[in-house]
PDB file of all heavy atoms in Angstrom:
ATOM      1  N   ARG A   1     -10.513 -41.723  10.991  1.00  0.00           N
ATOM      2  CA  ARG A   1     -10.424 -42.999  11.737  1.00  0.00           C
ATOM      3  C   ARG A   1     -10.622 -42.777  13.242  1.00  0.00           C
ATOM      4  O   ARG A   1     -10.439 -41.692  13.723  1.00  0.00           O
ATOM      5  CB  ARG A   1      -9.108 -43.665  11.444  1.00  0.00           C
ATOM      6  CG  ARG A   1      -7.891 -42.931  11.979  1.00  0.00           C
ATOM      7  CD  ARG A   1      -6.597 -43.612  11.517  1.00  0.00           C
ATOM      8  NE  ARG A   1      -5.410 -42.922  12.042  1.00  0.00           N
ATOM      9  CZ  ARG A   1      -4.178 -43.213  11.640  1.00  0.00           C
ATOM     10  NH1 ARG A   1      -3.971 -44.165  10.750  1.00  0.00           N
ATOM     11  NH2 ARG A   1      -3.148 -42.545  12.188  1.00  0.00           N
ATOM     12  N   GLN A   2     -11.082 -43.828  13.849  1.00  0.00           N
ATOM     13  CA  GLN A   2     -11.309 -43.750  15.265  1.00  0.00           C
ATOM     14  C   GLN A   2     -10.906 -45.078  15.945  1.00  0.00           C
ATOM     15  O   GLN A   2     -11.447 -46.137  15.587  1.00  0.00           O
ATOM     16  CB  GLN A   2     -12.773 -43.448  15.565  1.00  0.00           C
ATOM     17  CG  GLN A   2     -13.061 -43.214  17.039  1.00  0.00           C
ATOM     18  CD  GLN A   2     -14.447 -42.636  17.237  1.00  0.00           C
ATOM     19  OE1 GLN A   2     -15.343 -42.723  16.408  1.00  0.00           O
ATOM     20  NE2 GLN A   2     -14.662 -42.020  18.418  1.00  0.00           N
ATOM     21  N   ALA A   3      -9.969 -44.995  16.861  1.00  0.00           N
ATOM     22  CA  ALA A   3      -9.537 -46.150  17.594  1.00  0.00           C
ATOM     23  C   ALA A   3     -10.305 -46.179  18.983  1.00  0.00           C
ATOM     24  O   ALA A   3     -10.764 -45.149  19.407  1.00  0.00           O
ATOM     25  CB  ALA A   3      -8.031 -46.087  17.848  1.00  0.00           C
ATOM     26  N   PRO A   4     -10.365 -47.359  19.559  1.00  0.00           N
ATOM     27  CA  PRO A   4     -11.066 -47.417  20.843  1.00  0.00           C
ATOM     28  C   PRO A   4     -10.515 -46.432  21.870  1.00  0.00           C
ATOM     29  O   PRO A   4      -9.277 -46.346  22.042  1.00  0.00           O
ATOM     30  CB  PRO A   4     -10.845 -48.855  21.291  1.00  0.00           C
ATOM     31  CG  PRO A   4     -10.660 -49.610  20.024  1.00  0.00           C
ATOM     32  CD  PRO A   4      -9.909 -48.678  19.146  1.00  0.00           C
ATOM     33  N   GLY A   5     -11.390 -45.720  22.552  1.00  0.00           N
ATOM     34  CA  GLY A   5     -10.979 -44.806  23.572  1.00  0.00           C
ATOM     35  C   GLY A   5     -10.392 -43.492  23.076  1.00  0.00           C
ATOM     36  O   GLY A   5      -9.945 -42.651  23.865  1.00  0.00           O
ATOM     37  N   LYS A   6     -10.453 -43.256  21.730  1.00  0.00           N
ATOM     38  CA  LYS A   6      -9.900 -42.046  21.187  1.00  0.00           C
ATOM     39  C   LYS A   6     -10.953 -41.388  20.324  1.00  0.00           C
ATOM     40  O   LYS A   6     -11.910 -41.999  19.888  1.00  0.00           O
ATOM     41  CB  LYS A   6      -8.655 -42.370  20.344  1.00  0.00           C
ATOM     42  CG  LYS A   6      -7.529 -43.027  21.068  1.00  0.00           C
ATOM     43  CD  LYS A   6      -6.316 -43.258  20.166  1.00  0.00           C
ATOM     44  CE  LYS A   6      -5.653 -41.964  19.745  1.00  0.00           C
ATOM     45  NZ  LYS A   6      -4.443 -42.191  18.936  1.00  0.00           N
ATOM     46  N   GLU A   7     -10.740 -40.087  20.120  1.00  0.00           N
ATOM     47  CA  GLU A   7     -11.701 -39.369  19.300  1.00  0.00           C
ATOM     48  C   GLU A   7     -11.398 -39.605  17.812  1.00  0.00           C
ATOM     49  O   GLU A   7     -10.300 -39.984  17.439  1.00  0.00           O
ATOM     50  CB  GLU A   7     -11.659 -37.858  19.650  1.00  0.00           C
ATOM     51  CG  GLU A   7     -10.366 -37.140  19.202  1.00  0.00           C
ATOM     52  CD  GLU A   7     -10.426 -35.699  19.567  1.00  0.00           C
ATOM     53  OE1 GLU A   7     -10.739 -35.376  20.727  1.00  0.00           O
ATOM     54  OE2 GLU A   7     -10.124 -34.863  18.683  1.00  0.00           O
ATOM     55  N   ARG A   8     -12.402 -39.382  17.009  1.00  0.00           N
ATOM     56  CA  ARG A   8     -12.252 -39.516  15.575  1.00  0.00           C
ATOM     57  C   ARG A   8     -11.283 -38.498  15.072  1.00  0.00           C
ATOM     58  O   ARG A   8     -11.311 -37.312  15.421  1.00  0.00           O
ATOM     59  CB  ARG A   8     -13.606 -39.350  14.855  1.00  0.00           C
ATOM     60  CG  ARG A   8     -13.604 -39.846  13.437  1.00  0.00           C
ATOM     61  CD  ARG A   8     -15.037 -39.925  12.920  1.00  0.00           C
ATOM     62  NE  ARG A   8     -15.798 -40.925  13.667  1.00  0.00           N
ATOM     63  CZ  ARG A   8     -17.069 -41.292  13.434  1.00  0.00           C
ATOM     64  NH1 ARG A   8     -17.688 -40.723  12.399  1.00  0.00           N
ATOM     65  NH2 ARG A   8     -17.671 -42.139  14.155  1.00  0.00           N
ATOM     66  N   GLU A   9     -10.340 -38.927  14.196  1.00  0.00           N
ATOM     67  CA  GLU A   9      -9.342 -38.040  13.663  1.00  0.00           C
ATOM     68  C   GLU A   9      -9.228 -38.056  12.178  1.00  0.00           C
ATOM     69  O   GLU A   9      -9.508 -39.071  11.518  1.00  0.00           O
ATOM     70  CB  GLU A   9      -7.967 -38.389  14.293  1.00  0.00           C
ATOM     71  CG  GLU A   9      -7.414 -39.723  13.857  1.00  0.00           C
ATOM     72  CD  GLU A   9      -6.013 -39.947  14.357  1.00  0.00           C
ATOM     73  OE1 GLU A   9      -5.469 -39.125  15.116  1.00  0.00           O
ATOM     74  OE2 GLU A   9      -5.469 -41.059  14.072  1.00  0.00           O
ATOM     75  N   PHE A  10      -8.772 -36.988  11.660  1.00  0.00           N
ATOM     76  CA  PHE A  10      -8.585 -36.827  10.202  1.00  0.00           C
ATOM     77  C   PHE A  10      -7.444 -37.693   9.707  1.00  0.00           C
ATOM     78  O   PHE A  10      -6.391 -37.809  10.347  1.00  0.00           O
ATOM     79  CB  PHE A  10      -8.314 -35.368   9.913  1.00  0.00           C
ATOM     80  CG  PHE A  10      -7.802 -35.094   8.481  1.00  0.00           C
ATOM     81  CD1 PHE A  10      -8.726 -35.138   7.430  1.00  0.00           C
ATOM     82  CD2 PHE A  10      -6.516 -34.804   8.253  1.00  0.00           C
ATOM     83  CE1 PHE A  10      -8.283 -34.846   6.144  1.00  0.00           C
ATOM     84  CE2 PHE A  10      -6.078 -34.524   6.952  1.00  0.00           C
ATOM     85  CZ  PHE A  10      -6.954 -34.591   5.913  1.00  0.00           C
ATOM     86  N   VAL A  11      -7.647 -38.271   8.561  1.00  0.00           N
ATOM     87  CA  VAL A  11      -6.578 -39.049   7.882  1.00  0.00           C
ATOM     88  C   VAL A  11      -6.159 -38.439   6.583  1.00  0.00           C
ATOM     89  O   VAL A  11      -5.014 -38.172   6.348  1.00  0.00           O
ATOM     90  CB  VAL A  11      -7.008 -40.491   7.675  1.00  0.00           C
ATOM     91  CG1 VAL A  11      -5.933 -41.282   6.914  1.00  0.00           C
ATOM     92  CG2 VAL A  11      -7.357 -41.219   8.989  1.00  0.00           C
ATOM     93  N   SER A  12      -7.138 -38.225   5.679  1.00  0.00           N
ATOM     94  CA  SER A  12      -6.874 -37.696   4.386  1.00  0.00           C
ATOM     95  C   SER A  12      -8.094 -37.076   3.756  1.00  0.00           C
ATOM     96  O   SER A  12      -9.201 -37.410   4.173  1.00  0.00           O
ATOM     97  CB  SER A  12      -6.350 -38.891   3.495  1.00  0.00           C
ATOM     98  OG  SER A  12      -5.933 -38.399   2.226  1.00  0.00           O
ATOM     99  N   ALA A  13      -7.897 -36.207   2.796  1.00  0.00           N
ATOM    100  CA  ALA A  13      -9.018 -35.568   2.071  1.00  0.00           C
ATOM    101  C   ALA A  13      -8.635 -35.308   0.660  1.00  0.00           C
ATOM    102  O   ALA A  13      -7.470 -35.227   0.306  1.00  0.00           O
ATOM    103  CB  ALA A  13      -9.418 -34.289   2.805  1.00  0.00           C
ATOM    104  N   ILE A  14      -9.657 -35.189  -0.178  1.00  0.00           N
ATOM    105  CA  ILE A  14      -9.454 -34.934  -1.635  1.00  0.00           C
ATOM    106  C   ILE A  14     -10.517 -34.043  -2.140  1.00  0.00           C
ATOM    107  O   ILE A  14     -11.696 -34.140  -1.748  1.00  0.00           O
ATOM    108  CB  ILE A  14      -9.415 -36.336  -2.374  1.00  0.00           C
ATOM    109  CG1 ILE A  14      -8.982 -36.094  -3.843  1.00  0.00           C
ATOM    110  CG2 ILE A  14     -10.768 -37.019  -2.270  1.00  0.00           C
ATOM    111  CD1 ILE A  14      -8.650 -37.439  -4.541  1.00  0.00           C
ATOM    112  N   SER A  15     -10.163 -33.129  -3.060  1.00  0.00           N
ATOM    113  CA  SER A  15     -11.116 -32.236  -3.629  1.00  0.00           C
ATOM    114  C   SER A  15     -11.978 -32.963  -4.638  1.00  0.00           C
ATOM    115  O   SER A  15     -11.786 -34.121  -4.990  1.00  0.00           O
ATOM    116  CB  SER A  15     -10.364 -31.086  -4.343  1.00  0.00           C
ATOM    117  OG  SER A  15      -9.557 -31.590  -5.389  1.00  0.00           O
ATOM    118  N   GLN A  16     -13.013 -32.253  -5.048  1.00  0.00           N
ATOM    119  CA  GLN A  16     -14.025 -32.858  -5.927  1.00  0.00           C
ATOM    120  C   GLN A  16     -13.400 -33.468  -7.222  1.00  0.00           C
ATOM    121  O   GLN A  16     -13.755 -34.561  -7.632  1.00  0.00           O
ATOM    122  CB  GLN A  16     -15.097 -31.878  -6.329  1.00  0.00           C
ATOM    123  CG  GLN A  16     -16.215 -32.425  -7.184  1.00  0.00           C
ATOM    124  CD  GLN A  16     -15.876 -32.347  -8.667  1.00  0.00           C
ATOM    125  OE1 GLN A  16     -15.152 -31.485  -9.144  1.00  0.00           O
ATOM    126  NE2 GLN A  16     -16.420 -33.297  -9.446  1.00  0.00           N
ATOM    127  N   SER A  17     -12.465 -32.707  -7.823  1.00  0.00           N
ATOM    128  CA  SER A  17     -11.855 -33.155  -9.024  1.00  0.00           C
ATOM    129  C   SER A  17     -10.720 -34.087  -8.826  1.00  0.00           C
ATOM    130  O   SER A  17     -10.181 -34.708  -9.706  1.00  0.00           O
ATOM    131  CB  SER A  17     -11.351 -31.948  -9.795  1.00  0.00           C
ATOM    132  OG  SER A  17     -10.331 -31.309  -9.160  1.00  0.00           O
ATOM    133  N   GLY A  18     -10.243 -34.213  -7.564  1.00  0.00           N
ATOM    134  CA  GLY A  18      -9.069 -34.964  -7.254  1.00  0.00           C
ATOM    135  C   GLY A  18      -7.785 -34.228  -7.399  1.00  0.00           C
ATOM    136  O   GLY A  18      -6.685 -34.739  -7.156  1.00  0.00           O
ATOM    137  N   GLY A  19      -7.880 -32.901  -7.738  1.00  0.00           N
ATOM    138  CA  GLY A  19      -6.719 -32.121  -7.989  1.00  0.00           C
ATOM    139  C   GLY A  19      -5.904 -31.696  -6.723  1.00  0.00           C
ATOM    140  O   GLY A  19      -4.778 -31.334  -6.810  1.00  0.00           O
ATOM    141  N   ARG A  20      -6.558 -31.746  -5.592  1.00  0.00           N
ATOM    142  CA  ARG A  20      -5.941 -31.411  -4.319  1.00  0.00           C
ATOM    143  C   ARG A  20      -6.125 -32.533  -3.345  1.00  0.00           C
ATOM    144  O   ARG A  20      -7.219 -33.051  -3.175  1.00  0.00           O
ATOM    145  CB  ARG A  20      -6.461 -30.128  -3.731  1.00  0.00           C
ATOM    146  CG  ARG A  20      -6.142 -28.844  -4.535  1.00  0.00           C
ATOM    147  CD  ARG A  20      -6.827 -27.664  -3.988  1.00  0.00           C
ATOM    148  NE  ARG A  20      -8.281 -27.677  -4.242  1.00  0.00           N
ATOM    149  CZ  ARG A  20      -9.232 -27.420  -3.346  1.00  0.00           C
ATOM    150  NH1 ARG A  20      -8.885 -27.127  -2.107  1.00  0.00           N
ATOM    151  NH2 ARG A  20     -10.476 -27.451  -3.714  1.00  0.00           N
ATOM    152  N   THR A  21      -5.044 -32.894  -2.664  1.00  0.00           N
ATOM    153  CA  THR A  21      -5.072 -33.961  -1.660  1.00  0.00           C
ATOM    154  C   THR A  21      -4.398 -33.444  -0.403  1.00  0.00           C
ATOM    155  O   THR A  21      -3.459 -32.668  -0.398  1.00  0.00           O
ATOM    156  CB  THR A  21      -4.461 -35.263  -2.133  1.00  0.00           C
ATOM    157  OG1 THR A  21      -3.094 -35.016  -2.504  1.00  0.00           O
ATOM    158  CG2 THR A  21      -5.204 -35.793  -3.353  1.00  0.00           C
ATOM    159  N   TYR A  22      -4.811 -34.030   0.726  1.00  0.00           N
ATOM    160  CA  TYR A  22      -4.271 -33.635   2.032  1.00  0.00           C
ATOM    161  C   TYR A  22      -4.132 -34.863   2.891  1.00  0.00           C
ATOM    162  O   TYR A  22      -4.910 -35.801   2.799  1.00  0.00           O
ATOM    163  CB  TYR A  22      -5.288 -32.639   2.698  1.00  0.00           C
ATOM    164  CG  TYR A  22      -5.594 -31.486   1.892  1.00  0.00           C
ATOM    165  CD1 TYR A  22      -6.643 -31.509   0.962  1.00  0.00           C
ATOM    166  CD2 TYR A  22      -4.876 -30.284   1.989  1.00  0.00           C
ATOM    167  CE1 TYR A  22      -6.929 -30.419   0.181  1.00  0.00           C
ATOM    168  CE2 TYR A  22      -5.129 -29.198   1.186  1.00  0.00           C
ATOM    169  CZ  TYR A  22      -6.207 -29.275   0.283  1.00  0.00           C
ATOM    170  OH  TYR A  22      -6.498 -28.168  -0.506  1.00  0.00           O
ATOM    171  N   TYR A  23      -3.154 -34.870   3.795  1.00  0.00           N
ATOM    172  CA  TYR A  23      -2.856 -36.022   4.622  1.00  0.00           C
ATOM    173  C   TYR A  23      -2.445 -35.589   6.003  1.00  0.00           C
ATOM    174  O   TYR A  23      -1.777 -34.550   6.210  1.00  0.00           O
ATOM    175  CB  TYR A  23      -1.712 -36.851   4.053  1.00  0.00           C
ATOM    176  CG  TYR A  23      -2.015 -37.392   2.689  1.00  0.00           C
ATOM    177  CD1 TYR A  23      -1.644 -36.726   1.507  1.00  0.00           C
ATOM    178  CD2 TYR A  23      -2.670 -38.647   2.557  1.00  0.00           C
ATOM    179  CE1 TYR A  23      -1.916 -37.258   0.263  1.00  0.00           C
ATOM    180  CE2 TYR A  23      -2.951 -39.153   1.276  1.00  0.00           C
ATOM    181  CZ  TYR A  23      -2.547 -38.455   0.155  1.00  0.00           C
ATOM    182  OH  TYR A  23      -2.822 -38.991  -1.079  1.00  0.00           O
ATOM    183  N   GLN A  24      -2.846 -36.371   6.955  1.00  0.00           N
ATOM    184  CA  GLN A  24      -2.350 -36.214   8.323  1.00  0.00           C
ATOM    185  C   GLN A  24      -0.864 -36.596   8.260  1.00  0.00           C
ATOM    186  O   GLN A  24      -0.426 -37.486   7.520  1.00  0.00           O
ATOM    187  CB  GLN A  24      -3.061 -37.194   9.248  1.00  0.00           C
ATOM    188  CG  GLN A  24      -2.663 -37.107  10.714  1.00  0.00           C
ATOM    189  CD  GLN A  24      -3.000 -38.360  11.479  1.00  0.00           C
ATOM    190  OE1 GLN A  24      -2.096 -39.141  11.772  1.00  0.00           O
ATOM    191  NE2 GLN A  24      -4.271 -38.541  11.827  1.00  0.00           N
ATOM    192  N   GLU A  25      -0.080 -35.877   9.068  1.00  0.00           N
ATOM    193  CA  GLU A  25       1.389 -36.059   9.035  1.00  0.00           C
ATOM    194  C   GLU A  25       1.831 -37.535   9.231  1.00  0.00           C
ATOM    195  O   GLU A  25       2.741 -37.979   8.580  1.00  0.00           O
ATOM    196  CB  GLU A  25       2.079 -35.185  10.080  1.00  0.00           C
ATOM    197  CG  GLU A  25       2.147 -33.741   9.756  1.00  0.00           C
ATOM    198  CD  GLU A  25       3.058 -33.482   8.544  1.00  0.00           C
ATOM    199  OE1 GLU A  25       4.031 -34.249   8.358  1.00  0.00           O
ATOM    200  OE2 GLU A  25       2.762 -32.528   7.746  1.00  0.00           O
ATOM    201  N   SER A  26       1.124 -38.248  10.067  1.00  0.00           N
ATOM    202  CA  SER A  26       1.595 -39.584  10.413  1.00  0.00           C
ATOM    203  C   SER A  26       1.372 -40.578   9.275  1.00  0.00           C
ATOM    204  O   SER A  26       1.965 -41.667   9.287  1.00  0.00           O
ATOM    205  CB  SER A  26       0.848 -40.117  11.643  1.00  0.00           C
ATOM    206  OG  SER A  26      -0.535 -40.299  11.407  1.00  0.00           O
ATOM    207  N   VAL A  27       0.605 -40.232   8.271  1.00  0.00           N
ATOM    208  CA  VAL A  27       0.340 -41.144   7.146  1.00  0.00           C
ATOM    209  C   VAL A  27       0.986 -40.707   5.855  1.00  0.00           C
ATOM    210  O   VAL A  27       0.951 -41.402   4.853  1.00  0.00           O
ATOM    211  CB  VAL A  27      -1.158 -41.397   6.944  1.00  0.00           C
ATOM    212  CG1 VAL A  27      -1.811 -41.847   8.269  1.00  0.00           C
ATOM    213  CG2 VAL A  27      -1.852 -40.194   6.359  1.00  0.00           C
ATOM    214  N   LYS A  28       1.602 -39.508   5.838  1.00  0.00           N
ATOM    215  CA  LYS A  28       2.202 -39.003   4.663  1.00  0.00           C
ATOM    216  C   LYS A  28       3.299 -39.988   4.176  1.00  0.00           C
ATOM    217  O   LYS A  28       4.132 -40.431   4.941  1.00  0.00           O
ATOM    218  CB  LYS A  28       2.802 -37.617   4.860  1.00  0.00           C
ATOM    219  CG  LYS A  28       1.791 -36.497   4.920  1.00  0.00           C
ATOM    220  CD  LYS A  28       2.449 -35.165   5.112  1.00  0.00           C
ATOM    221  CE  LYS A  28       1.444 -34.028   5.115  1.00  0.00           C
ATOM    222  NZ  LYS A  28       2.052 -32.728   5.315  1.00  0.00           N
ATOM    223  N   GLY A  29       3.277 -40.208   2.860  1.00  0.00           N
ATOM    224  CA  GLY A  29       4.251 -41.154   2.280  1.00  0.00           C
ATOM    225  C   GLY A  29       3.839 -42.617   2.349  1.00  0.00           C
ATOM    226  O   GLY A  29       4.454 -43.427   1.764  1.00  0.00           O
ATOM    227  N   ARG A  30       2.814 -42.917   3.155  1.00  0.00           N
ATOM    228  CA  ARG A  30       2.312 -44.272   3.276  1.00  0.00           C
ATOM    229  C   ARG A  30       0.939 -44.431   2.728  1.00  0.00           C
ATOM    230  O   ARG A  30       0.647 -45.522   2.154  1.00  0.00           O
ATOM    231  CB  ARG A  30       2.313 -44.680   4.753  1.00  0.00           C
ATOM    232  CG  ARG A  30       3.697 -44.656   5.407  1.00  0.00           C
ATOM    233  CD  ARG A  30       3.658 -45.275   6.808  1.00  0.00           C
ATOM    234  NE  ARG A  30       2.802 -44.580   7.710  1.00  0.00           N
ATOM    235  CZ  ARG A  30       1.694 -45.142   8.295  1.00  0.00           C
ATOM    236  NH1 ARG A  30       1.409 -46.396   8.064  1.00  0.00           N
ATOM    237  NH2 ARG A  30       0.955 -44.404   9.103  1.00  0.00           N
ATOM    238  N   PHE A  31       0.070 -43.488   2.821  1.00  0.00           N
ATOM    239  CA  PHE A  31      -1.278 -43.544   2.344  1.00  0.00           C
ATOM    240  C   PHE A  31      -1.461 -42.683   1.143  1.00  0.00           C
ATOM    241  O   PHE A  31      -0.853 -41.633   1.017  1.00  0.00           O
ATOM    242  CB  PHE A  31      -2.290 -43.056   3.443  1.00  0.00           C
ATOM    243  CG  PHE A  31      -2.400 -43.923   4.630  1.00  0.00           C
ATOM    244  CD1 PHE A  31      -1.530 -45.013   4.849  1.00  0.00           C
ATOM    245  CD2 PHE A  31      -3.430 -43.718   5.535  1.00  0.00           C
ATOM    246  CE1 PHE A  31      -1.682 -45.831   5.970  1.00  0.00           C
ATOM    247  CE2 PHE A  31      -3.552 -44.519   6.647  1.00  0.00           C
ATOM    248  CZ  PHE A  31      -2.681 -45.553   6.908  1.00  0.00           C
ATOM    249  N   THR A  32      -2.376 -43.105   0.229  1.00  0.00           N
ATOM    250  CA  THR A  32      -2.685 -42.307  -0.944  1.00  0.00           C
ATOM    251  C   THR A  32      -4.171 -42.313  -1.187  1.00  0.00           C
ATOM    252  O   THR A  32      -4.803 -43.364  -1.225  1.00  0.00           O
ATOM    253  CB  THR A  32      -2.043 -42.893  -2.201  1.00  0.00           C
ATOM    254  OG1 THR A  32      -0.616 -43.004  -1.986  1.00  0.00           O
ATOM    255  CG2 THR A  32      -2.307 -42.011  -3.409  1.00  0.00           C
ATOM    256  N   ILE A  33      -4.756 -41.078  -1.240  1.00  0.00           N
ATOM    257  CA  ILE A  33      -6.187 -40.967  -1.512  1.00  0.00           C
ATOM    258  C   ILE A  33      -6.389 -40.674  -2.969  1.00  0.00           C
ATOM    259  O   ILE A  33      -5.593 -39.955  -3.615  1.00  0.00           O
ATOM    260  CB  ILE A  33      -6.787 -39.845  -0.591  1.00  0.00           C
ATOM    261  CG1 ILE A  33      -8.345 -39.897  -0.708  1.00  0.00           C
ATOM    262  CG2 ILE A  33      -6.250 -38.497  -0.980  1.00  0.00           C
ATOM    263  CD1 ILE A  33      -9.014 -39.002   0.326  1.00  0.00           C
ATOM    264  N   SER A  34      -7.411 -41.251  -3.513  1.00  0.00           N
ATOM    265  CA  SER A  34      -7.791 -40.989  -4.913  1.00  0.00           C
ATOM    266  C   SER A  34      -9.299 -41.107  -5.079  1.00  0.00           C
ATOM    267  O   SER A  34      -9.996 -41.614  -4.203  1.00  0.00           O
ATOM    268  CB  SER A  34      -7.049 -41.940  -5.831  1.00  0.00           C
ATOM    269  OG  SER A  34      -7.385 -43.304  -5.564  1.00  0.00           O
ATOM    270  N   ARG A  35      -9.789 -40.704  -6.262  1.00  0.00           N
ATOM    271  CA  ARG A  35     -11.249 -40.883  -6.500  1.00  0.00           C
ATOM    272  C   ARG A  35     -11.459 -41.114  -7.975  1.00  0.00           C
ATOM    273  O   ARG A  35     -10.688 -40.697  -8.830  1.00  0.00           O
ATOM    274  CB  ARG A  35     -11.991 -39.677  -5.972  1.00  0.00           C
ATOM    275  CG  ARG A  35     -11.744 -38.395  -6.767  1.00  0.00           C
ATOM    276  CD  ARG A  35     -12.373 -37.160  -6.018  1.00  0.00           C
ATOM    277  NE  ARG A  35     -13.830 -37.310  -5.848  1.00  0.00           N
ATOM    278  CZ  ARG A  35     -14.575 -36.622  -5.023  1.00  0.00           C
ATOM    279  NH1 ARG A  35     -14.001 -35.689  -4.256  1.00  0.00           N
ATOM    280  NH2 ARG A  35     -15.864 -36.846  -4.966  1.00  0.00           N
ATOM    281  N   ASP A  36     -12.572 -41.810  -8.211  1.00  0.00           N
ATOM    282  CA  ASP A  36     -13.013 -42.053  -9.577  1.00  0.00           C
ATOM    283  C   ASP A  36     -14.443 -41.620  -9.604  1.00  0.00           C
ATOM    284  O   ASP A  36     -15.332 -42.371  -9.192  1.00  0.00           O
ATOM    285  CB  ASP A  36     -12.865 -43.524  -9.947  1.00  0.00           C
ATOM    286  CG  ASP A  36     -13.211 -43.799 -11.399  1.00  0.00           C
ATOM    287  OD1 ASP A  36     -13.900 -42.943 -12.045  1.00  0.00           O
ATOM    288  OD2 ASP A  36     -12.909 -44.902 -11.887  1.00  0.00           O
ATOM    289  N   ASN A  37     -14.692 -40.396 -10.073  1.00  0.00           N
ATOM    290  CA  ASN A  37     -16.074 -39.912  -9.998  1.00  0.00           C
ATOM    291  C   ASN A  37     -16.999 -40.619 -10.991  1.00  0.00           C
ATOM    292  O   ASN A  37     -18.220 -40.572 -10.763  1.00  0.00           O
ATOM    293  CB  ASN A  37     -16.028 -38.404 -10.301  1.00  0.00           C
ATOM    294  CG  ASN A  37     -15.558 -37.588  -9.127  1.00  0.00           C
ATOM    295  OD1 ASN A  37     -15.509 -38.092  -8.011  1.00  0.00           O
ATOM    296  ND2 ASN A  37     -15.173 -36.351  -9.405  1.00  0.00           N
ATOM    297  N   SER A  38     -16.469 -41.251 -12.026  1.00  0.00           N
ATOM    298  CA  SER A  38     -17.335 -42.018 -12.866  1.00  0.00           C
ATOM    299  C   SER A  38     -17.894 -43.267 -12.194  1.00  0.00           C
ATOM    300  O   SER A  38     -18.955 -43.760 -12.614  1.00  0.00           O
ATOM    301  CB  SER A  38     -16.510 -42.433 -14.103  1.00  0.00           C
ATOM    302  OG  SER A  38     -15.575 -43.450 -13.807  1.00  0.00           O
ATOM    303  N   LYS A  39     -17.271 -43.683 -11.110  1.00  0.00           N
ATOM    304  CA  LYS A  39     -17.738 -44.775 -10.302  1.00  0.00           C
ATOM    305  C   LYS A  39     -18.273 -44.344  -8.972  1.00  0.00           C
ATOM    306  O   LYS A  39     -18.686 -45.159  -8.131  1.00  0.00           O
ATOM    307  CB  LYS A  39     -16.616 -45.819 -10.115  1.00  0.00           C
ATOM    308  CG  LYS A  39     -16.097 -46.424 -11.376  1.00  0.00           C
ATOM    309  CD  LYS A  39     -14.979 -47.395 -11.093  1.00  0.00           C
ATOM    310  CE  LYS A  39     -14.480 -48.029 -12.333  1.00  0.00           C
ATOM    311  NZ  LYS A  39     -13.351 -49.022 -12.074  1.00  0.00           N
ATOM    312  N   ALA A  40     -18.280 -43.015  -8.739  1.00  0.00           N
ATOM    313  CA  ALA A  40     -18.758 -42.466  -7.445  1.00  0.00           C
ATOM    314  C   ALA A  40     -18.017 -43.114  -6.263  1.00  0.00           C
ATOM    315  O   ALA A  40     -18.650 -43.465  -5.288  1.00  0.00           O
ATOM    316  CB  ALA A  40     -20.263 -42.598  -7.288  1.00  0.00           C
ATOM    317  N   THR A  41     -16.721 -43.282  -6.464  1.00  0.00           N
ATOM    318  CA  THR A  41     -15.942 -43.990  -5.462  1.00  0.00           C
ATOM    319  C   THR A  41     -14.686 -43.267  -5.089  1.00  0.00           C
ATOM    320  O   THR A  41     -14.005 -42.659  -5.925  1.00  0.00           O
ATOM    321  CB  THR A  41     -15.539 -45.429  -6.029  1.00  0.00           C
ATOM    322  OG1 THR A  41     -16.762 -46.137  -6.351  1.00  0.00           O
ATOM    323  CG2 THR A  41     -14.784 -46.191  -4.972  1.00  0.00           C
ATOM    324  N   VAL A  42     -14.311 -43.333  -3.827  1.00  0.00           N
ATOM    325  CA  VAL A  42     -13.095 -42.756  -3.276  1.00  0.00           C
ATOM    326  C   VAL A  42     -12.307 -43.931  -2.698  1.00  0.00           C
ATOM    327  O   VAL A  42     -12.854 -44.873  -2.087  1.00  0.00           O
ATOM    328  CB  VAL A  42     -13.399 -41.723  -2.174  1.00  0.00           C
ATOM    329  CG1 VAL A  42     -12.055 -41.152  -1.629  1.00  0.00           C
ATOM    330  CG2 VAL A  42     -14.227 -40.561  -2.760  1.00  0.00           C
ATOM    331  N   TYR A  43     -10.986 -43.881  -2.830  1.00  0.00           N
ATOM    332  CA  TYR A  43     -10.105 -44.914  -2.385  1.00  0.00           C
ATOM    333  C   TYR A  43      -9.078 -44.392  -1.374  1.00  0.00           C
ATOM    334  O   TYR A  43      -8.711 -43.224  -1.418  1.00  0.00           O
ATOM    335  CB  TYR A  43      -9.362 -45.531  -3.548  1.00  0.00           C
ATOM    336  CG  TYR A  43     -10.232 -46.056  -4.644  1.00  0.00           C
ATOM    337  CD1 TYR A  43     -10.496 -45.244  -5.748  1.00  0.00           C
ATOM    338  CD2 TYR A  43     -10.784 -47.340  -4.566  1.00  0.00           C
ATOM    339  CE1 TYR A  43     -11.267 -45.724  -6.758  1.00  0.00           C
ATOM    340  CE2 TYR A  43     -11.605 -47.805  -5.577  1.00  0.00           C
ATOM    341  CZ  TYR A  43     -11.854 -46.965  -6.674  1.00  0.00           C
ATOM    342  OH  TYR A  43     -12.671 -47.494  -7.714  1.00  0.00           O
TER     343      TYR A  43
END
């Protein structure tokens, strides 16, 4: 994500299979990343 006047920053990431997920500390417990490869979509 990138807010006005700020550099782009990491929020979350997910491995190809969805087996591993990662979050920026400020969003842990609030955001959830997931993916559905059958739909070629990440949420």
